[in-house]
């Protein structure tokens, strides 16, 4: 449970009014009965009404993205500076002439052309 104390700008009673909930203490059982995994009551202190705090799906998604980014940042130093397996495949393709084929050249043009157009438009 999170306590909203004097350091918080808005007290529990005011939050209850903002969100249209009854400020009486007897509203707590009703609030508790409606809680879900992402919709939990927050204690507002002794003798104050419970306030329902609901976390939006966008906020949950952002938190998940931030957690994934933090995990990736933590693992980054453990990655090798050079991925030898990828370098070996590229060398093999170079030796076989793979990158000299028209299909590869056309694919490269298709991928670079939109970038070139954006760069050109940005320089105007």
C-alpha atoms as a PDB file:
ATOM      1  CA  UNK A   1       0.000   0.000   0.000  1.00  0.00           C
ATOM      2  CA  UNK A   2       1.106   3.536  -0.720  1.00  0.00           C
ATOM      3  CA  UNK A   3       0.493   6.253   1.808  1.00  0.00           C
ATOM      4  CA  UNK A   4      -0.296   9.722   0.625  1.00  0.00           C
ATOM      5  CA  UNK A   5       1.008  11.943   3.392  1.00  0.00           C
ATOM      6  CA  UNK A   6       1.584  15.602   4.036  1.00  0.00           C
ATOM      7  CA  UNK A   7       4.349  15.683   1.453  1.00  0.00           C
ATOM      8  CA  UNK A   8       1.854  14.869  -1.283  1.00  0.00           C
ATOM      9  CA  UNK A   9       0.167  17.947  -2.692  1.00  0.00           C
ATOM     10  CA  UNK A  10      -3.246  16.310  -2.795  1.00  0.00           C
ATOM     11  CA  UNK A  11      -4.709  14.500   0.205  1.00  0.00           C
ATOM     12  CA  UNK A  12      -6.852  11.367  -0.042  1.00  0.00           C
ATOM     13  CA  UNK A  13     -10.090  13.241   0.627  1.00  0.00           C
ATOM     14  CA  UNK A  14      -9.358  15.570  -2.268  1.00  0.00           C
ATOM     15  CA  UNK A  15      -8.511  12.645  -4.541  1.00  0.00           C
ATOM     16  CA  UNK A  16     -11.793  10.979  -3.629  1.00  0.00           C
ATOM     17  CA  UNK A  17     -13.647  14.154  -4.617  1.00  0.00           C
ATOM     18  CA  UNK A  18     -11.682  14.447  -7.872  1.00  0.00           C
ATOM     19  CA  UNK A  19     -12.575  10.927  -8.908  1.00  0.00           C
ATOM     20  CA  UNK A  20     -16.175  11.099  -7.740  1.00  0.00           C
ATOM     21  CA  UNK A  21     -15.865   8.555  -4.958  1.00  0.00           C
ATOM     22  CA  UNK A  22     -17.513   8.858  -1.578  1.00  0.00           C
ATOM     23  CA  UNK A  23     -15.118  10.278   0.986  1.00  0.00           C
ATOM     24  CA  UNK A  24     -16.651   8.314   3.863  1.00  0.00           C
ATOM     25  CA  UNK A  25     -14.638   5.455   5.321  1.00  0.00           C
ATOM     26  CA  UNK A  26     -17.503   3.034   4.578  1.00  0.00           C
ATOM     27  CA  UNK A  27     -16.710   3.256   0.859  1.00  0.00           C
ATOM     28  CA  UNK A  28     -13.504   1.244   1.374  1.00  0.00           C
ATOM     29  CA  UNK A  29     -15.160  -2.230   1.236  1.00  0.00           C
ATOM     30  CA  UNK A  30     -16.891  -1.292  -2.027  1.00  0.00           C
ATOM     31  CA  UNK A  31     -13.616  -0.036  -3.491  1.00  0.00           C
ATOM     32  CA  UNK A  32     -11.747  -3.146  -2.357  1.00  0.00           C
ATOM     33  CA  UNK A  33     -14.323  -5.444  -3.942  1.00  0.00           C
ATOM     34  CA  UNK A  34     -13.718  -3.874  -7.365  1.00  0.00           C
ATOM     35  CA  UNK A  35      -9.926  -4.164  -7.453  1.00  0.00           C
ATOM     36  CA  UNK A  36      -8.128  -5.969 -10.264  1.00  0.00           C
ATOM     37  CA  UNK A  37      -4.482  -6.692 -11.012  1.00  0.00           C
ATOM     38  CA  UNK A  38      -3.977  -3.157 -12.362  1.00  0.00           C
ATOM     39  CA  UNK A  39      -6.632  -1.407 -10.316  1.00  0.00           C
ATOM     40  CA  UNK A  40      -5.698  -1.343  -6.626  1.00  0.00           C
ATOM     41  CA  UNK A  41      -6.797   0.755  -3.650  1.00  0.00           C
ATOM     42  CA  UNK A  42      -4.299   3.144  -2.130  1.00  0.00           C
ATOM     43  CA  UNK A  43      -4.352   3.794   1.599  1.00  0.00           C
ATOM     44  CA  UNK A  44      -4.659   7.465   2.329  1.00  0.00           C
ATOM     45  CA  UNK A  45      -3.819   7.250   5.997  1.00  0.00           C
ATOM     46  CA  UNK A  46      -5.606   6.725   9.291  1.00  0.00           C
ATOM     47  CA  UNK A  47      -9.308   7.590   9.194  1.00  0.00           C
ATOM     48  CA  UNK A  48      -9.341   8.650   5.560  1.00  0.00           C
ATOM     49  CA  UNK A  49     -11.253   7.198   2.629  1.00  0.00           C
ATOM     50  CA  UNK A  50      -9.665   4.646   0.325  1.00  0.00           C
ATOM     51  CA  UNK A  51      -8.936   5.985  -3.144  1.00  0.00           C
ATOM     52  CA  UNK A  52      -8.894   3.820  -6.261  1.00  0.00           C
ATOM     53  CA  UNK A  53      -5.784   4.208  -8.403  1.00  0.00           C
ATOM     54  CA  UNK A  54      -6.077   2.763 -11.882  1.00  0.00           C
ATOM     55  CA  UNK A  55      -3.027   2.325 -14.114  1.00  0.00           C
ATOM     56  CA  UNK A  56      -3.761   2.789 -17.808  1.00  0.00           C
ATOM     57  CA  UNK A  57      -2.710   0.234 -20.394  1.00  0.00           C
ATOM     58  CA  UNK A  58      -0.430   2.855 -21.945  1.00  0.00           C
ATOM     59  CA  UNK A  59       1.340   3.355 -18.610  1.00  0.00           C
ATOM     60  CA  UNK A  60       1.746  -0.405 -18.153  1.00  0.00           C
ATOM     61  CA  UNK A  61       3.141  -0.749 -21.698  1.00  0.00           C
ATOM     62  CA  UNK A  62       5.570   2.110 -21.094  1.00  0.00           C
ATOM     63  CA  UNK A  63       6.722   0.532 -17.835  1.00  0.00           C
ATOM     64  CA  UNK A  64       7.266  -2.780 -19.635  1.00  0.00           C
ATOM     65  CA  UNK A  65       9.287  -1.041 -22.382  1.00  0.00           C
ATOM     66  CA  UNK A  66      11.377   0.807 -19.791  1.00  0.00           C
ATOM     67  CA  UNK A  67      12.019  -2.451 -17.937  1.00  0.00           C
ATOM     68  CA  UNK A  68      13.058  -4.191 -21.167  1.00  0.00           C
ATOM     69  CA  UNK A  69      15.357  -1.276 -22.038  1.00  0.00           C
ATOM     70  CA  UNK A  70      16.934  -1.367 -18.575  1.00  0.00           C
ATOM     71  CA  UNK A  71      17.519  -5.114 -18.952  1.00  0.00           C
ATOM     72  CA  UNK A  72      19.095  -4.612 -22.376  1.00  0.00           C
ATOM     73  CA  UNK A  73      21.340  -1.833 -21.038  1.00  0.00           C
ATOM     74  CA  UNK A  74      22.434  -4.073 -18.172  1.00  0.00           C
ATOM     75  CA  UNK A  75      23.292  -6.913 -20.576  1.00  0.00           C
ATOM     76  CA  UNK A  76      25.010  -4.697 -23.180  1.00  0.00           C
ATOM     77  CA  UNK A  77      28.473  -4.738 -21.539  1.00  0.00           C
ATOM     78  CA  UNK A  78      28.433  -8.542 -21.706  1.00  0.00           C
ATOM     79  CA  UNK A  79      28.023  -8.577 -25.498  1.00  0.00           C
ATOM     80  CA  UNK A  80      31.130  -9.243 -27.582  1.00  0.00           C
ATOM     81  CA  UNK A  81      32.643  -6.288 -29.437  1.00  0.00           C
ATOM     82  CA  UNK A  82      32.642  -8.316 -32.674  1.00  0.00           C
ATOM     83  CA  UNK A  83      30.151 -11.019 -33.535  1.00  0.00           C
ATOM     84  CA  UNK A  84      32.453 -13.494 -35.210  1.00  0.00           C
ATOM     85  CA  UNK A  85      29.542 -15.622 -36.482  1.00  0.00           C
ATOM     86  CA  UNK A  86      28.070 -12.673 -38.417  1.00  0.00           C
ATOM     87  CA  UNK A  87      31.475 -11.605 -39.753  1.00  0.00           C
ATOM     88  CA  UNK A  88      32.107 -15.156 -40.992  1.00  0.00           C
ATOM     89  CA  UNK A  89      28.807 -15.213 -42.912  1.00  0.00           C
ATOM     90  CA  UNK A  90      29.520 -11.833 -44.547  1.00  0.00           C
ATOM     91  CA  UNK A  91      33.023 -12.909 -45.551  1.00  0.00           C
ATOM     92  CA  UNK A  92      31.637 -16.102 -47.044  1.00  0.00           C
ATOM     93  CA  UNK A  93      29.058 -14.106 -49.052  1.00  0.00           C
ATOM     94  CA  UNK A  94      31.730 -11.663 -50.240  1.00  0.00           C
ATOM     95  CA  UNK A  95      33.931 -14.526 -51.422  1.00  0.00           C
ATOM     96  CA  UNK A  96      30.977 -16.121 -53.230  1.00  0.00           C
ATOM     97  CA  UNK A  97      30.050 -12.846 -54.993  1.00  0.00           C
ATOM     98  CA  UNK A  98      26.640 -12.681 -53.317  1.00  0.00           C
ATOM     99  CA  UNK A  99      26.707  -8.880 -52.974  1.00  0.00           C
ATOM    100  CA  UNK A 100      27.487  -8.413 -56.679  1.00  0.00           C
ATOM    101  CA  UNK A 101      24.145  -9.836 -57.853  1.00  0.00           C
ATOM    102  CA  UNK A 102      21.470  -7.575 -59.334  1.00  0.00           C
ATOM    103  CA  UNK A 103      18.902  -8.783 -56.809  1.00  0.00           C
ATOM    104  CA  UNK A 104      21.046  -7.632 -53.885  1.00  0.00           C
ATOM    105  CA  UNK A 105      21.802  -4.300 -55.559  1.00  0.00           C
ATOM    106  CA  UNK A 106      18.091  -3.711 -56.275  1.00  0.00           C
ATOM    107  CA  UNK A 107      17.177  -4.561 -52.681  1.00  0.00           C
ATOM    108  CA  UNK A 108      19.810  -2.124 -51.426  1.00  0.00           C
ATOM    109  CA  UNK A 109      18.470   0.655 -53.634  1.00  0.00           C
ATOM    110  CA  UNK A 110      14.913  -0.027 -52.430  1.00  0.00           C
ATOM    111  CA  UNK A 111      16.022   0.278 -48.813  1.00  0.00           C
ATOM    112  CA  UNK A 112      18.236   3.348 -49.270  1.00  0.00           C
ATOM    113  CA  UNK A 113      16.002   5.383 -51.599  1.00  0.00           C
ATOM    114  CA  UNK A 114      13.432   6.372 -48.914  1.00  0.00           C
ATOM    115  CA  UNK A 115      16.278   7.418 -46.609  1.00  0.00           C
ATOM    116  CA  UNK A 116      17.862   9.518 -49.348  1.00  0.00           C
ATOM    117  CA  UNK A 117      14.503  11.199 -50.057  1.00  0.00           C
ATOM    118  CA  UNK A 118      14.004  12.038 -46.353  1.00  0.00           C
ATOM    119  CA  UNK A 119      17.528  13.468 -46.137  1.00  0.00           C
ATOM    120  CA  UNK A 120      16.977  15.536 -49.276  1.00  0.00           C
ATOM    121  CA  UNK A 121      13.631  16.856 -48.000  1.00  0.00           C
ATOM    122  CA  UNK A 122      15.197  17.746 -44.638  1.00  0.00           C
ATOM    123  CA  UNK A 123      17.970  19.790 -46.220  1.00  0.00           C
ATOM    124  CA  UNK A 124      15.567  22.109 -48.038  1.00  0.00           C
END
